[in-house]
Amino acid sequence: MPDAFLHIPFDNATLAIMFVTISLAYVIFSIAGFGTALVAGPVLVNYMPLSQAIPLLVLLDCVAAFGKLARSHKHVVRIELARLLPFMAIGSVAGIAVLLKTKSDVLMLAMGCFVTLYALYMLTQPIRTRYISAAWAVPLGVGGGLFGALFGSGGFLYAIYLNGRTSTKEQASSTQSTLIGISTLVRITMLTIAGAYADLALVVAAIYLLPALFLGLWAGEHISFKISRSTFTTLINIIILVSGMTLVYRAYFGIN
């Protein structure tokens, strides 16, 4: 077993590309609290199957989320966390059921169109603080859990809710990271039971990429200190827009 941890699972060129990709992905994660699958996923699938890329990102997301939480836990808005968690759980269960019984590309296309239009609307309006009702925890919590289970990317829906319910970018980002951390723990448990981590090469890859993760978190944290709430909101809406367009693209070409 020790030999497995001494063997680099990729050639040097591939490892360098993955290092840069993971660093950039976690710059976004450090600022927004989500978005790693959006940035890193399309690159990683060129070097490993999707069935390995997703479990790898789940491992890294878990480390990143709880690492961020350890430094910024005082900013977590617990009441909003409590509102979202039950509906996130319902959405996750529903996502598994939908995955087994429904053509997911139809649902992906519908959500992609909605999210894209929402982000375009937000980006074309004058920037100002927009507070939304706590009742939005129901559809956005369920939707986030549903899309997290189906496609590994539901964080943008939590971001819509939290940016309309929190007063600072630190509160939004920290609460978002906590949600992602909890969801990744559940997904790691399910993936372990399914045998996704039986191949030690995947765990070794995650260990080799940890420096890239920490570099991205460090850079993102320093960037976030220097941006205003309005700039932060604009950045989140741009990420949400790209997320929506990615869902439409994947649905159109049947990429799950």
C-alpha atoms as a PDB file:
ATOM      1  CA  MET A   1       0.000   0.000   0.000  1.00  0.00           C
ATOM      2  CA  PRO A   2       2.786   2.558   0.723  1.00  0.00           C
ATOM      3  CA  ASP A   3       4.088   1.997  -2.832  1.00  0.00           C
ATOM      4  CA  ALA A   4       0.740   3.191  -4.203  1.00  0.00           C
ATOM      5  CA  PHE A   5       1.214   6.558  -2.518  1.00  0.00           C
ATOM      6  CA  LEU A   6       4.731   6.935  -3.932  1.00  0.00           C
ATOM      7  CA  HIS A   7       3.599   6.363  -7.510  1.00  0.00           C
ATOM      8  CA  ILE A   8       2.360   9.461  -9.362  1.00  0.00           C
ATOM      9  CA  PRO A   9      -0.852   8.435 -11.190  1.00  0.00           C
ATOM     10  CA  PHE A  10      -0.218  10.818 -14.141  1.00  0.00           C
ATOM     11  CA  ASP A  11       2.706  11.924 -16.273  1.00  0.00           C
ATOM     12  CA  ASN A  12       4.331  15.246 -15.404  1.00  0.00           C
ATOM     13  CA  ALA A  13       2.648  17.231 -18.213  1.00  0.00           C
ATOM     14  CA  THR A  14      -0.822  15.982 -17.254  1.00  0.00           C
ATOM     15  CA  LEU A  15      -0.165  16.636 -13.577  1.00  0.00           C
ATOM     16  CA  ALA A  16       0.929  20.213 -14.380  1.00  0.00           C
ATOM     17  CA  ILE A  17      -2.256  20.888 -16.380  1.00  0.00           C
ATOM     18  CA  MET A  18      -4.398  19.429 -13.598  1.00  0.00           C
ATOM     19  CA  PHE A  19      -2.486  21.457 -10.982  1.00  0.00           C
ATOM     20  CA  VAL A  20      -3.204  24.739 -12.777  1.00  0.00           C
ATOM     21  CA  THR A  21      -6.846  23.748 -13.380  1.00  0.00           C
ATOM     22  CA  ILE A  22      -7.469  22.810  -9.745  1.00  0.00           C
ATOM     23  CA  SER A  23      -5.787  26.010  -8.542  1.00  0.00           C
ATOM     24  CA  LEU A  24      -8.068  28.148 -10.725  1.00  0.00           C
ATOM     25  CA  ALA A  25     -11.134  26.147  -9.680  1.00  0.00           C
ATOM     26  CA  TYR A  26     -10.449  26.752  -5.999  1.00  0.00           C
ATOM     27  CA  VAL A  27      -9.789  30.446  -6.518  1.00  0.00           C
ATOM     28  CA  ILE A  28     -13.432  30.557  -7.645  1.00  0.00           C
ATOM     29  CA  PHE A  29     -14.511  28.310  -4.763  1.00  0.00           C
ATOM     30  CA  SER A  30     -12.728  30.500  -2.213  1.00  0.00           C
ATOM     31  CA  ILE A  31     -14.516  33.598  -3.493  1.00  0.00           C
ATOM     32  CA  ALA A  32     -17.956  32.173  -4.294  1.00  0.00           C
ATOM     33  CA  GLY A  33     -18.238  28.967  -2.253  1.00  0.00           C
ATOM     34  CA  PHE A  34     -19.011  26.849  -5.338  1.00  0.00           C
ATOM     35  CA  GLY A  35     -18.037  26.420  -8.990  1.00  0.00           C
ATOM     36  CA  THR A  36     -15.248  23.828  -8.948  1.00  0.00           C
ATOM     37  CA  ALA A  37     -17.091  21.338 -11.163  1.00  0.00           C
ATOM     38  CA  LEU A  38     -17.812  24.121 -13.646  1.00  0.00           C
ATOM     39  CA  VAL A  39     -14.137  25.092 -13.948  1.00  0.00           C
ATOM     40  CA  ALA A  40     -12.297  21.805 -13.410  1.00  0.00           C
ATOM     41  CA  GLY A  41     -14.766  19.232 -14.742  1.00  0.00           C
ATOM     42  CA  PRO A  42     -14.382  19.953 -18.485  1.00  0.00           C
ATOM     43  CA  VAL A  43     -10.581  19.728 -18.194  1.00  0.00           C
ATOM     44  CA  LEU A  44     -10.363  16.665 -15.945  1.00  0.00           C
ATOM     45  CA  VAL A  45     -12.555  14.535 -18.219  1.00  0.00           C
ATOM     46  CA  ASN A  46      -9.842  14.814 -20.875  1.00  0.00           C
ATOM     47  CA  TYR A  47      -7.498  12.858 -18.614  1.00  0.00           C
ATOM     48  CA  MET A  48      -9.790  10.514 -16.697  1.00  0.00           C
ATOM     49  CA  PRO A  49     -13.315   9.072 -17.015  1.00  0.00           C
ATOM     50  CA  LEU A  50     -16.195  11.129 -15.621  1.00  0.00           C
ATOM     51  CA  SER A  51     -16.764   8.290 -13.128  1.00  0.00           C
ATOM     52  CA  GLN A  52     -13.350   9.163 -11.629  1.00  0.00           C
ATOM     53  CA  ALA A  53     -13.367  12.935 -12.146  1.00  0.00           C
ATOM     54  CA  ILE A  54     -16.517  13.475 -10.066  1.00  0.00           C
ATOM     55  CA  PRO A  55     -15.337  11.423  -7.033  1.00  0.00           C
ATOM     56  CA  LEU A  56     -11.977  13.222  -7.217  1.00  0.00           C
ATOM     57  CA  LEU A  57     -13.641  16.650  -7.125  1.00  0.00           C
ATOM     58  CA  VAL A  58     -15.937  15.525  -4.300  1.00  0.00           C
ATOM     59  CA  LEU A  59     -12.889  14.628  -2.181  1.00  0.00           C
ATOM     60  CA  LEU A  60     -11.216  17.954  -2.911  1.00  0.00           C
ATOM     61  CA  ASP A  61     -14.448  19.915  -2.359  1.00  0.00           C
ATOM     62  CA  CYS A  62     -14.843  18.331   1.066  1.00  0.00           C
ATOM     63  CA  VAL A  63     -11.317  19.362   2.096  1.00  0.00           C
ATOM     64  CA  ALA A  64     -11.818  22.872   0.690  1.00  0.00           C
ATOM     65  CA  ALA A  65     -15.235  23.404   2.263  1.00  0.00           C
ATOM     66  CA  PHE A  66     -14.195  22.410   5.769  1.00  0.00           C
ATOM     67  CA  GLY A  67     -10.856  24.211   5.428  1.00  0.00           C
ATOM     68  CA  LYS A  68     -12.725  27.400   4.534  1.00  0.00           C
ATOM     69  CA  LEU A  69     -15.259  26.793   7.303  1.00  0.00           C
ATOM     70  CA  ALA A  70     -12.488  26.449   9.907  1.00  0.00           C
ATOM     71  CA  ARG A  71     -11.298  29.973   9.070  1.00  0.00           C
ATOM     72  CA  SER A  72     -14.635  31.706   8.551  1.00  0.00           C
ATOM     73  CA  HIS A  73     -17.173  29.791  10.667  1.00  0.00           C
ATOM     74  CA  LYS A  74     -18.139  32.969  12.535  1.00  0.00           C
ATOM     75  CA  HIS A  75     -19.661  34.326   9.308  1.00  0.00           C
ATOM     76  CA  VAL A  76     -22.003  31.348   8.788  1.00  0.00           C
ATOM     77  CA  VAL A  77     -25.659  32.409   8.996  1.00  0.00           C
ATOM     78  CA  ARG A  78     -27.040  29.432  10.892  1.00  0.00           C
ATOM     79  CA  ILE A  79     -30.705  30.310  10.485  1.00  0.00           C
ATOM     80  CA  GLU A  80     -30.377  30.285   6.684  1.00  0.00           C
ATOM     81  CA  LEU A  81     -28.384  27.068   6.881  1.00  0.00           C
ATOM     82  CA  ALA A  82     -31.190  25.510   8.928  1.00  0.00           C
ATOM     83  CA  ARG A  83     -33.759  26.681   6.376  1.00  0.00           C
ATOM     84  CA  LEU A  84     -31.912  25.196   3.403  1.00  0.00           C
ATOM     85  CA  LEU A  85     -30.637  21.873   4.777  1.00  0.00           C
ATOM     86  CA  PRO A  86     -33.968  19.982   5.050  1.00  0.00           C
ATOM     87  CA  PHE A  87     -34.945  20.945   1.507  1.00  0.00           C
ATOM     88  CA  MET A  88     -31.462  20.141   0.209  1.00  0.00           C
ATOM     89  CA  ALA A  89     -31.900  16.646   1.678  1.00  0.00           C
ATOM     90  CA  ILE A  90     -35.323  16.269   0.041  1.00  0.00           C
ATOM     91  CA  GLY A  91     -33.861  17.390  -3.281  1.00  0.00           C
ATOM     92  CA  SER A  92     -30.984  14.918  -3.002  1.00  0.00           C
ATOM     93  CA  VAL A  93     -33.358  12.003  -2.448  1.00  0.00           C
ATOM     94  CA  ALA A  94     -35.573  13.214  -5.295  1.00  0.00           C
ATOM     95  CA  GLY A  95     -32.498  13.522  -7.515  1.00  0.00           C
ATOM     96  CA  ILE A  96     -31.636   9.869  -7.040  1.00  0.00           C
ATOM     97  CA  ALA A  97     -35.225   8.873  -7.864  1.00  0.00           C
ATOM     98  CA  VAL A  98     -35.283  11.112 -10.948  1.00  0.00           C
ATOM     99  CA  LEU A  99     -31.934   9.733 -12.058  1.00  0.00           C
ATOM    100  CA  LEU A 100     -33.333   6.214 -11.968  1.00  0.00           C
ATOM    101  CA  LYS A 101     -36.717   6.883 -13.595  1.00  0.00           C
ATOM    102  CA  THR A 102     -36.623  10.042 -15.725  1.00  0.00           C
ATOM    103  CA  LYS A 103     -34.777  11.402 -18.742  1.00  0.00           C
ATOM    104  CA  SER A 104     -32.584  13.875 -16.903  1.00  0.00           C
ATOM    105  CA  ASP A 105     -31.674  15.899 -20.003  1.00  0.00           C
ATOM    106  CA  VAL A 106     -35.176  17.431 -20.127  1.00  0.00           C
ATOM    107  CA  LEU A 107     -34.888  18.614 -16.529  1.00  0.00           C
ATOM    108  CA  MET A 108     -31.349  19.837 -17.159  1.00  0.00           C
ATOM    109  CA  LEU A 109     -32.478  21.902 -20.161  1.00  0.00           C
ATOM    110  CA  ALA A 110     -35.371  23.487 -18.250  1.00  0.00           C
ATOM    111  CA  MET A 111     -33.194  24.439 -15.286  1.00  0.00           C
ATOM    112  CA  GLY A 112     -30.408  25.661 -17.568  1.00  0.00           C
ATOM    113  CA  CYS A 113     -32.786  28.012 -19.378  1.00  0.00           C
ATOM    114  CA  PHE A 114     -34.215  29.347 -16.109  1.00  0.00           C
ATOM    115  CA  VAL A 115     -30.808  29.959 -14.541  1.00  0.00           C
ATOM    116  CA  THR A 116     -29.419  31.602 -17.692  1.00  0.00           C
ATOM    117  CA  LEU A 117     -32.370  33.990 -17.945  1.00  0.00           C
ATOM    118  CA  TYR A 118     -32.169  34.772 -14.218  1.00  0.00           C
ATOM    119  CA  ALA A 119     -28.462  35.603 -14.415  1.00  0.00           C
ATOM    120  CA  LEU A 120     -28.922  37.742 -17.528  1.00  0.00           C
ATOM    121  CA  TYR A 121     -31.692  39.676 -15.783  1.00  0.00           C
ATOM    122  CA  MET A 122     -29.539  40.252 -12.694  1.00  0.00           C
ATOM    123  CA  LEU A 123     -26.542  41.343 -14.762  1.00  0.00           C
ATOM    124  CA  THR A 124     -28.535  43.843 -16.829  1.00  0.00           C
ATOM    125  CA  GLN A 125     -30.190  45.526 -13.844  1.00  0.00           C
ATOM    126  CA  PRO A 126     -28.572  48.323 -11.794  1.00  0.00           C
ATOM    127  CA  ILE A 127     -26.586  46.751  -8.967  1.00  0.00           C
ATOM    128  CA  ARG A 128     -28.367  47.101  -5.666  1.00  0.00           C
ATOM    129  CA  THR A 129     -29.094  44.888  -2.705  1.00  0.00           C
ATOM    130  CA  ARG A 130     -31.970  42.529  -3.456  1.00  0.00           C
ATOM    131  CA  TYR A 131     -33.485  40.668  -0.525  1.00  0.00           C
ATOM    132  CA  ILE A 132     -35.748  37.720  -1.221  1.00  0.00           C
ATOM    133  CA  SER A 133     -38.293  35.934   0.932  1.00  0.00           C
ATOM    134  CA  ALA A 134     -37.235  33.043   3.170  1.00  0.00           C
ATOM    135  CA  ALA A 135     -39.877  31.006   1.329  1.00  0.00           C
ATOM    136  CA  TRP A 136     -37.397  30.713  -1.549  1.00  0.00           C
ATOM    137  CA  ALA A 137     -35.469  28.231   0.623  1.00  0.00           C
ATOM    138  CA  VAL A 138     -38.001  25.601  -0.464  1.00  0.00           C
ATOM    139  CA  PRO A 139     -37.606  25.629  -4.286  1.00  0.00           C
ATOM    140  CA  LEU A 140     -33.942  26.649  -4.302  1.00  0.00           C
ATOM    141  CA  GLY A 141     -32.986  24.178  -1.555  1.00  0.00           C
ATOM    142  CA  VAL A 142     -34.812  21.326  -3.274  1.00  0.00           C
ATOM    143  CA  GLY A 143     -33.407  22.396  -6.649  1.00  0.00           C
ATOM    144  CA  GLY A 144     -29.851  22.572  -5.315  1.00  0.00           C
ATOM    145  CA  GLY A 145     -30.098  19.103  -3.782  1.00  0.00           C
ATOM    146  CA  LEU A 146     -31.761  17.737  -6.923  1.00  0.00           C
ATOM    147  CA  PHE A 147     -29.124  19.095  -9.286  1.00  0.00           C
ATOM    148  CA  GLY A 148     -26.303  18.192  -6.949  1.00  0.00           C
ATOM    149  CA  ALA A 149     -27.452  14.559  -6.986  1.00  0.00           C
ATOM    150  CA  LEU A 150     -28.134  14.503 -10.729  1.00  0.00           C
ATOM    151  CA  PHE A 151     -25.231  16.468 -12.165  1.00  0.00           C
ATOM    152  CA  GLY A 152     -22.861  17.316  -9.313  1.00  0.00           C
ATOM    153  CA  SER A 153     -23.555  21.044  -9.616  1.00  0.00           C
ATOM    154  CA  GLY A 154     -26.327  22.582  -7.531  1.00  0.00           C
ATOM    155  CA  GLY A 155     -24.341  25.273  -5.736  1.00  0.00           C
ATOM    156  CA  PHE A 156     -25.486  28.076  -8.014  1.00  0.00           C
ATOM    157  CA  LEU A 157     -29.053  27.701  -6.688  1.00  0.00           C
ATOM    158  CA  TYR A 158     -27.877  28.035  -3.088  1.00  0.00           C
ATOM    159  CA  ALA A 159     -25.941  31.119  -4.205  1.00  0.00           C
ATOM    160  CA  ILE A 160     -29.105  32.728  -5.595  1.00  0.00           C
ATOM    161  CA  TYR A 161     -30.826  32.237  -2.234  1.00  0.00           C
ATOM    162  CA  LEU A 162     -27.929  33.246   0.015  1.00  0.00           C
ATOM    163  CA  ASN A 163     -27.082  36.379  -1.960  1.00  0.00           C
ATOM    164  CA  GLY A 164     -30.662  37.485  -1.442  1.00  0.00           C
ATOM    165  CA  ARG A 165     -30.729  36.650   2.265  1.00  0.00           C
ATOM    166  CA  THR A 166     -27.334  37.721   3.656  1.00  0.00           C
ATOM    167  CA  SER A 167     -25.922  41.180   4.210  1.00  0.00           C
ATOM    168  CA  THR A 168     -22.210  40.596   3.493  1.00  0.00           C
ATOM    169  CA  LYS A 169     -20.212  38.624   0.953  1.00  0.00           C
ATOM    170  CA  GLU A 170     -18.452  36.814   3.831  1.00  0.00           C
ATOM    171  CA  GLN A 171     -21.788  35.528   5.158  1.00  0.00           C
ATOM    172  CA  ALA A 172     -22.904  34.356   1.717  1.00  0.00           C
ATOM    173  CA  SER A 173     -19.626  32.611   0.892  1.00  0.00           C
ATOM    174  CA  SER A 174     -19.146  30.979   4.322  1.00  0.00           C
ATOM    175  CA  THR A 175     -22.717  29.683   4.525  1.00  0.00           C
ATOM    176  CA  GLN A 176     -22.416  28.406   0.952  1.00  0.00           C
ATOM    177  CA  SER A 177     -19.189  26.557   1.806  1.00  0.00           C
ATOM    178  CA  THR A 178     -20.862  24.929   4.815  1.00  0.00           C
ATOM    179  CA  LEU A 179     -23.691  23.636   2.629  1.00  0.00           C
ATOM    180  CA  ILE A 180     -21.205  22.260   0.105  1.00  0.00           C
ATOM    181  CA  GLY A 181     -19.206  20.616   2.894  1.00  0.00           C
ATOM    182  CA  ILE A 182     -22.245  18.826   4.300  1.00  0.00           C
ATOM    183  CA  SER A 183     -23.381  17.686   0.847  1.00  0.00           C
ATOM    184  CA  THR A 184     -19.904  16.384  -0.043  1.00  0.00           C
ATOM    185  CA  LEU A 185     -19.752  14.324   3.160  1.00  0.00           C
ATOM    186  CA  VAL A 186     -23.001  12.643   2.130  1.00  0.00           C
ATOM    187  CA  ARG A 187     -21.731  12.080  -1.412  1.00  0.00           C
ATOM    188  CA  ILE A 188     -18.387  10.677  -0.192  1.00  0.00           C
ATOM    189  CA  THR A 189     -20.295   8.184   1.953  1.00  0.00           C
ATOM    190  CA  MET A 190     -22.447   7.118  -0.997  1.00  0.00           C
ATOM    191  CA  LEU A 191     -19.456   6.912  -3.367  1.00  0.00           C
ATOM    192  CA  THR A 192     -17.467   4.870  -0.849  1.00  0.00           C
ATOM    193  CA  ILE A 193     -20.331   2.407  -0.481  1.00  0.00           C
ATOM    194  CA  ALA A 194     -20.513   2.225  -4.283  1.00  0.00           C
ATOM    195  CA  GLY A 195     -16.783   1.405  -4.426  1.00  0.00           C
ATOM    196  CA  ALA A 196     -15.650   4.588  -6.182  1.00  0.00           C
ATOM    197  CA  TYR A 197     -12.607   4.899  -3.929  1.00  0.00           C
ATOM    198  CA  ALA A 198     -11.578   1.241  -4.095  1.00  0.00           C
ATOM    199  CA  ASP A 199      -8.934   2.290  -6.630  1.00  0.00           C
ATOM    200  CA  LEU A 200      -6.222   3.934  -4.526  1.00  0.00           C
ATOM    201  CA  ALA A 201      -4.962   5.838  -7.582  1.00  0.00           C
ATOM    202  CA  LEU A 202      -7.905   8.218  -7.179  1.00  0.00           C
ATOM    203  CA  VAL A 203      -7.027   8.954  -3.551  1.00  0.00           C
ATOM    204  CA  VAL A 204      -3.358   9.375  -4.508  1.00  0.00           C
ATOM    205  CA  ALA A 205      -4.352  11.849  -7.251  1.00  0.00           C
ATOM    206  CA  ALA A 206      -6.324  13.872  -4.692  1.00  0.00           C
ATOM    207  CA  ILE A 207      -3.312  13.944  -2.346  1.00  0.00           C
ATOM    208  CA  TYR A 208      -0.983  15.137  -5.118  1.00  0.00           C
ATOM    209  CA  LEU A 209      -3.472  17.891  -6.018  1.00  0.00           C
ATOM    210  CA  LEU A 210      -3.903  19.177  -2.450  1.00  0.00           C
ATOM    211  CA  PRO A 211      -1.151  21.832  -2.865  1.00  0.00           C
ATOM    212  CA  ALA A 212      -3.054  23.179  -5.895  1.00  0.00           C
ATOM    213  CA  LEU A 213      -6.229  23.314  -3.813  1.00  0.00           C
ATOM    214  CA  PHE A 214      -4.545  25.221  -0.976  1.00  0.00           C
ATOM    215  CA  LEU A 215      -2.886  27.616  -3.435  1.00  0.00           C
ATOM    216  CA  GLY A 216      -6.268  28.369  -5.017  1.00  0.00           C
ATOM    217  CA  LEU A 217      -7.949  28.905  -1.647  1.00  0.00           C
ATOM    218  CA  TRP A 218      -5.151  31.230  -0.528  1.00  0.00           C
ATOM    219  CA  ALA A 219      -5.282  33.293  -3.731  1.00  0.00           C
ATOM    220  CA  GLY A 220      -9.074  33.476  -3.708  1.00  0.00           C
ATOM    221  CA  GLU A 221      -9.154  34.593  -0.086  1.00  0.00           C
ATOM    222  CA  HIS A 222      -6.765  37.466  -0.820  1.00  0.00           C
ATOM    223  CA  ILE A 223      -8.779  38.488  -3.876  1.00  0.00           C
ATOM    224  CA  SER A 224     -12.070  38.428  -1.949  1.00  0.00           C
ATOM    225  CA  PHE A 225     -10.684  40.832   0.665  1.00  0.00           C
ATOM    226  CA  LYS A 226     -10.206  43.428  -2.064  1.00  0.00           C
ATOM    227  CA  ILE A 227     -13.589  43.309  -3.801  1.00  0.00           C
ATOM    228  CA  SER A 228     -16.792  45.090  -2.820  1.00  0.00           C
ATOM    229  CA  ARG A 229     -20.195  43.516  -2.215  1.00  0.00           C
ATOM    230  CA  SER A 230     -21.442  44.769  -5.603  1.00  0.00           C
ATOM    231  CA  THR A 231     -18.419  43.320  -7.419  1.00  0.00           C
ATOM    232  CA  PHE A 232     -18.889  40.052  -5.532  1.00  0.00           C
ATOM    233  CA  THR A 233     -22.567  39.939  -6.572  1.00  0.00           C
ATOM    234  CA  THR A 234     -21.650  40.590 -10.207  1.00  0.00           C
ATOM    235  CA  LEU A 235     -19.029  37.822 -10.117  1.00  0.00           C
ATOM    236  CA  ILE A 236     -21.525  35.362  -8.625  1.00  0.00           C
ATOM    237  CA  ASN A 237     -24.085  36.208 -11.314  1.00  0.00           C
ATOM    238  CA  ILE A 238     -21.473  35.669 -14.037  1.00  0.00           C
ATOM    239  CA  ILE A 239     -20.652  32.249 -12.581  1.00  0.00           C
ATOM    240  CA  ILE A 240     -24.385  31.460 -12.375  1.00  0.00           C
ATOM    241  CA  LEU A 241     -24.776  32.535 -16.020  1.00  0.00           C
ATOM    242  CA  VAL A 242     -21.959  30.241 -17.151  1.00  0.00           C
ATOM    243  CA  SER A 243     -23.452  27.428 -15.035  1.00  0.00           C
ATOM    244  CA  GLY A 244     -26.814  27.858 -16.749  1.00  0.00           C
ATOM    245  CA  MET A 245     -25.272  27.955 -20.221  1.00  0.00           C
ATOM    246  CA  THR A 246     -23.257  24.835 -19.376  1.00  0.00           C
ATOM    247  CA  LEU A 247     -26.442  23.003 -18.360  1.00  0.00           C
ATOM    248  CA  VAL A 248     -28.127  23.995 -21.639  1.00  0.00           C
ATOM    249  CA  TYR A 249     -25.072  22.818 -23.601  1.00  0.00           C
ATOM    250  CA  ARG A 250     -24.926  19.493 -21.755  1.00  0.00           C
ATOM    251  CA  ALA A 251     -28.664  18.928 -22.196  1.00  0.00           C
ATOM    252  CA  TYR A 252     -28.549  19.780 -25.908  1.00  0.00           C
ATOM    253  CA  PHE A 253     -25.664  17.406 -26.601  1.00  0.00           C
ATOM    254  CA  GLY A 254     -26.858  14.756 -24.147  1.00  0.00           C
ATOM    255  CA  ILE A 255     -23.823  15.054 -21.854  1.00  0.00           C
ATOM    256  CA  ASN A 256     -24.617  13.843 -18.334  1.00  0.00           C
END
